Amino acid sequence: MELIDAITRRRSVRDFTEKEVDTDTLIKILNYANLAPSAGNLQARDFIIVKDKDIRYALSEAALGQHFVAEAPANIVVCANLKRISPYGSRGRNLYCIQDTAAATDHILLLALEYGLSTCWVGAFSESEVSEILDLPSYIRPVAIVPIGYPRSIPKSPPRRDIKEMIHFDSW
């Protein structure tokens, strides 16, 4: 699959079949996702694969009742590693590790298509609840929950702004 094709086909899917996602496939996706750029190549991100039904349900509650999180057969929780980014001080903790996780998350969304899977980037959740559910150490910050599975249906492409409204040259 060409990259442009993947980018144009990617959708936020919230309706998954019950078919299990193979752990080896998830690990392959994460191996490629970790090739995303990162500040100083510190790779200040970690990934938690969640397949346990009860934990998925707890995550869906922490995600403000977004029950498709529980209904997906797997979730990948993308976390910023504040210890690993520490050489960059506060800018690393407040920005670089978030950029690192965002780049890896986008890779996950696109790579899933290569395996016939669909995803949705979930950012609306209680960080403290997710941290507690997953027993995260204090230096790990959950940044995204990515439900992943085989799509039951794929939504139509949402409308996009005309790019000309969003491009500026040399200044605002």
Protein backbone atom coordinates (compact mmCIF):
# COMPACT_ATOMS: atom_id res chain seq x y z
CA MET A 1 0.00 0.00 0.00
CA GLU A 2 1.33 3.37 -0.88
CA LEU A 3 1.54 5.99 1.84
CA ILE A 4 -0.76 8.42 0.04
CA ASP A 5 -3.36 5.67 -0.29
CA ALA A 6 -3.13 4.91 3.43
CA ILE A 7 -3.46 8.57 4.35
CA THR A 8 -6.53 9.04 2.17
CA ARG A 9 -8.20 5.81 3.39
CA ARG A 10 -7.59 6.31 7.11
CA ARG A 11 -10.73 6.94 9.14
CA SER A 12 -11.57 7.13 12.82
CA VAL A 13 -13.41 3.85 13.25
CA ARG A 14 -15.59 3.28 16.30
CA ASP A 15 -17.29 0.06 15.25
CA PHE A 16 -15.24 -3.13 15.44
CA THR A 17 -15.91 -6.84 14.97
CA GLU A 18 -15.14 -9.20 17.83
CA LYS A 19 -12.32 -10.87 15.87
CA GLU A 20 -9.17 -10.95 17.99
CA VAL A 21 -6.12 -9.01 16.88
CA ASP A 22 -2.99 -11.12 16.93
CA THR A 23 -0.42 -9.91 19.45
CA ASP A 24 2.42 -10.47 16.98
CA THR A 25 0.67 -8.12 14.54
CA LEU A 26 0.38 -5.46 17.23
CA ILE A 27 4.07 -5.82 18.07
CA LYS A 28 4.98 -5.46 14.37
CA ILE A 29 2.89 -2.29 14.17
CA LEU A 30 4.59 -0.89 17.27
CA ASN A 31 8.03 -1.79 15.98
CA TYR A 32 7.37 0.31 12.88
CA ALA A 33 5.62 3.03 14.90
CA ASN A 34 8.75 3.44 16.96
CA LEU A 35 10.60 4.39 13.77
CA ALA A 36 8.74 7.71 13.95
CA PRO A 37 10.97 10.71 14.63
CA SER A 38 11.80 11.55 18.22
CA ALA A 39 13.71 14.33 19.94
CA GLY A 40 17.38 13.41 20.10
CA ASN A 41 16.35 9.88 19.08
CA LEU A 42 15.55 9.31 22.77
CA GLN A 43 12.30 7.55 21.79
CA ALA A 44 10.59 8.99 24.87
CA ARG A 45 7.47 6.91 24.41
CA ASP A 46 6.20 3.58 25.61
CA PHE A 47 3.29 1.45 24.45
CA ILE A 48 0.87 -0.63 26.48
CA ILE A 49 -1.12 -3.27 24.63
CA VAL A 50 -4.43 -3.87 26.39
CA LYS A 51 -6.44 -6.95 25.42
CA ASP A 52 -7.99 -7.82 28.79
CA LYS A 53 -11.75 -7.19 28.62
CA ASP A 54 -12.04 -5.75 32.14
CA ILE A 55 -9.14 -3.35 31.62
CA ARG A 56 -10.58 -2.25 28.26
CA TYR A 57 -13.89 -1.55 30.00
CA ALA A 58 -12.12 0.47 32.72
CA LEU A 59 -10.27 2.44 30.04
CA SER A 60 -13.57 3.18 28.29
CA GLU A 61 -14.98 4.57 31.53
CA ALA A 62 -11.83 6.67 32.03
CA ALA A 63 -12.33 7.84 28.43
CA LEU A 64 -15.53 9.59 29.45
CA GLY A 65 -17.76 6.63 28.62
CA GLN A 66 -16.55 6.11 25.05
CA HIS A 67 -17.62 2.46 24.99
CA PHE A 68 -16.07 1.66 21.62
CA VAL A 69 -12.78 1.65 23.57
CA ALA A 70 -14.05 -1.44 25.42
CA GLU A 71 -15.62 -2.94 22.31
CA ALA A 72 -12.38 -2.91 20.31
CA PRO A 73 -10.55 -6.22 20.77
CA ALA A 74 -7.34 -4.37 21.65
CA ASN A 75 -6.15 -0.95 22.69
CA ILE A 76 -2.72 0.58 22.46
CA VAL A 77 -2.05 3.19 25.10
CA VAL A 78 0.73 5.49 23.92
CA CYS A 79 2.66 7.04 26.80
CA ALA A 80 5.25 9.76 27.15
CA ASN A 81 8.31 8.70 29.11
CA LEU A 82 9.30 11.75 31.17
CA LYS A 83 12.43 10.06 32.50
CA ARG A 84 13.76 9.21 29.05
CA ILE A 85 13.22 12.80 27.83
CA SER A 86 14.84 14.35 30.92
CA PRO A 87 18.03 15.52 29.11
CA TYR A 88 15.83 18.20 27.51
CA GLY A 89 14.48 19.55 30.80
CA SER A 90 11.06 21.16 30.99
CA ARG A 91 10.78 21.67 27.22
CA GLY A 92 11.34 17.94 26.79
CA ARG A 93 8.71 17.07 29.41
CA ASN A 94 6.15 19.61 28.19
CA LEU A 95 6.62 19.40 24.42
CA TYR A 96 9.16 17.00 22.92
CA CYS A 97 7.82 13.80 24.46
CA ILE A 98 4.28 14.81 23.41
CA GLN A 99 5.55 15.32 19.86
CA ASP A 100 7.29 11.92 20.05
CA THR A 101 4.07 10.19 21.09
CA ALA A 102 2.03 12.05 18.47
CA ALA A 103 4.36 10.98 15.66
CA ALA A 104 4.28 7.35 16.82
CA THR A 105 0.49 7.46 17.22
CA ASP A 106 0.03 8.69 13.67
CA HIS A 107 2.27 5.86 12.47
CA ILE A 108 0.05 3.37 14.36
CA LEU A 109 -3.07 4.75 12.67
CA LEU A 110 -1.54 4.36 9.21
CA LEU A 111 0.24 1.06 9.83
CA ALA A 112 -2.96 -0.58 11.08
CA LEU A 113 -4.37 -0.28 7.54
CA GLU A 114 -1.50 -2.39 6.23
CA TYR A 115 -2.85 -5.27 8.34
CA GLY A 116 -6.53 -4.74 7.52
CA LEU A 117 -7.16 -3.08 10.87
CA SER A 118 -8.80 0.19 11.81
CA THR A 119 -8.24 2.61 14.67
CA CYS A 120 -9.41 5.75 16.38
CA TRP A 121 -7.18 8.26 18.17
CA VAL A 122 -8.70 8.90 21.60
CA GLY A 123 -7.39 11.87 23.54
CA ALA A 124 -10.41 12.55 25.74
CA PHE A 125 -9.72 10.67 28.95
CA SER A 126 -8.71 11.18 32.55
CA GLU A 127 -4.94 10.82 32.67
CA SER A 128 -5.00 10.07 36.40
CA GLU A 129 -7.62 7.32 35.97
CA VAL A 130 -5.74 5.72 33.06
CA SER A 131 -2.51 5.91 35.07
CA GLU A 132 -4.19 4.17 37.98
CA ILE A 133 -5.87 1.50 35.83
CA LEU A 134 -2.56 0.63 34.14
CA ASP A 135 -0.43 1.05 37.27
CA LEU A 136 1.84 3.53 35.49
CA PRO A 137 4.93 4.84 37.28
CA SER A 138 4.95 8.56 38.03
CA TYR A 139 7.30 9.34 35.13
CA ILE A 140 4.95 7.82 32.53
CA ARG A 141 2.15 10.00 31.11
CA PRO A 142 -0.63 8.47 29.01
CA VAL A 143 -1.15 10.62 25.91
CA ALA A 144 -3.37 8.58 23.59
CA ILE A 145 -5.59 5.52 23.65
CA VAL A 146 -5.85 3.80 20.28
CA PRO A 147 -8.63 1.21 20.01
CA ILE A 148 -7.63 -1.19 17.24
CA GLY A 149 -9.48 -3.98 15.52
CA TYR A 150 -11.17 -5.22 12.40
CA PRO A 151 -13.77 -2.70 11.25
CA ARG A 152 -17.45 -3.64 11.13
CA SER A 153 -18.01 -0.56 9.02
CA ILE A 154 -15.94 2.36 7.79
CA PRO A 155 -17.38 5.87 7.94
CA LYS A 156 -17.34 8.22 4.99
CA SER A 157 -14.59 10.79 4.77
CA PRO A 158 -15.45 13.86 6.83
CA PRO A 159 -15.33 17.27 5.15
CA ARG A 160 -12.00 19.07 5.17
CA ARG A 161 -11.23 22.76 5.08
CA ASP A 162 -9.81 24.14 1.88
CA ILE A 163 -6.06 23.98 2.40
CA LYS A 164 -5.72 27.49 0.95
CA GLU A 165 -7.46 28.80 4.09
CA MET A 166 -4.79 27.21 6.25
CA ILE A 167 -1.53 28.01 4.46
CA HIS A 168 0.41 31.18 5.18
CA PHE A 169 3.61 32.34 3.51
CA ASP A 170 6.44 34.10 5.32
CA SER A 171 4.12 35.44 8.07
CA TRP A 172 0.53 35.29 9.22
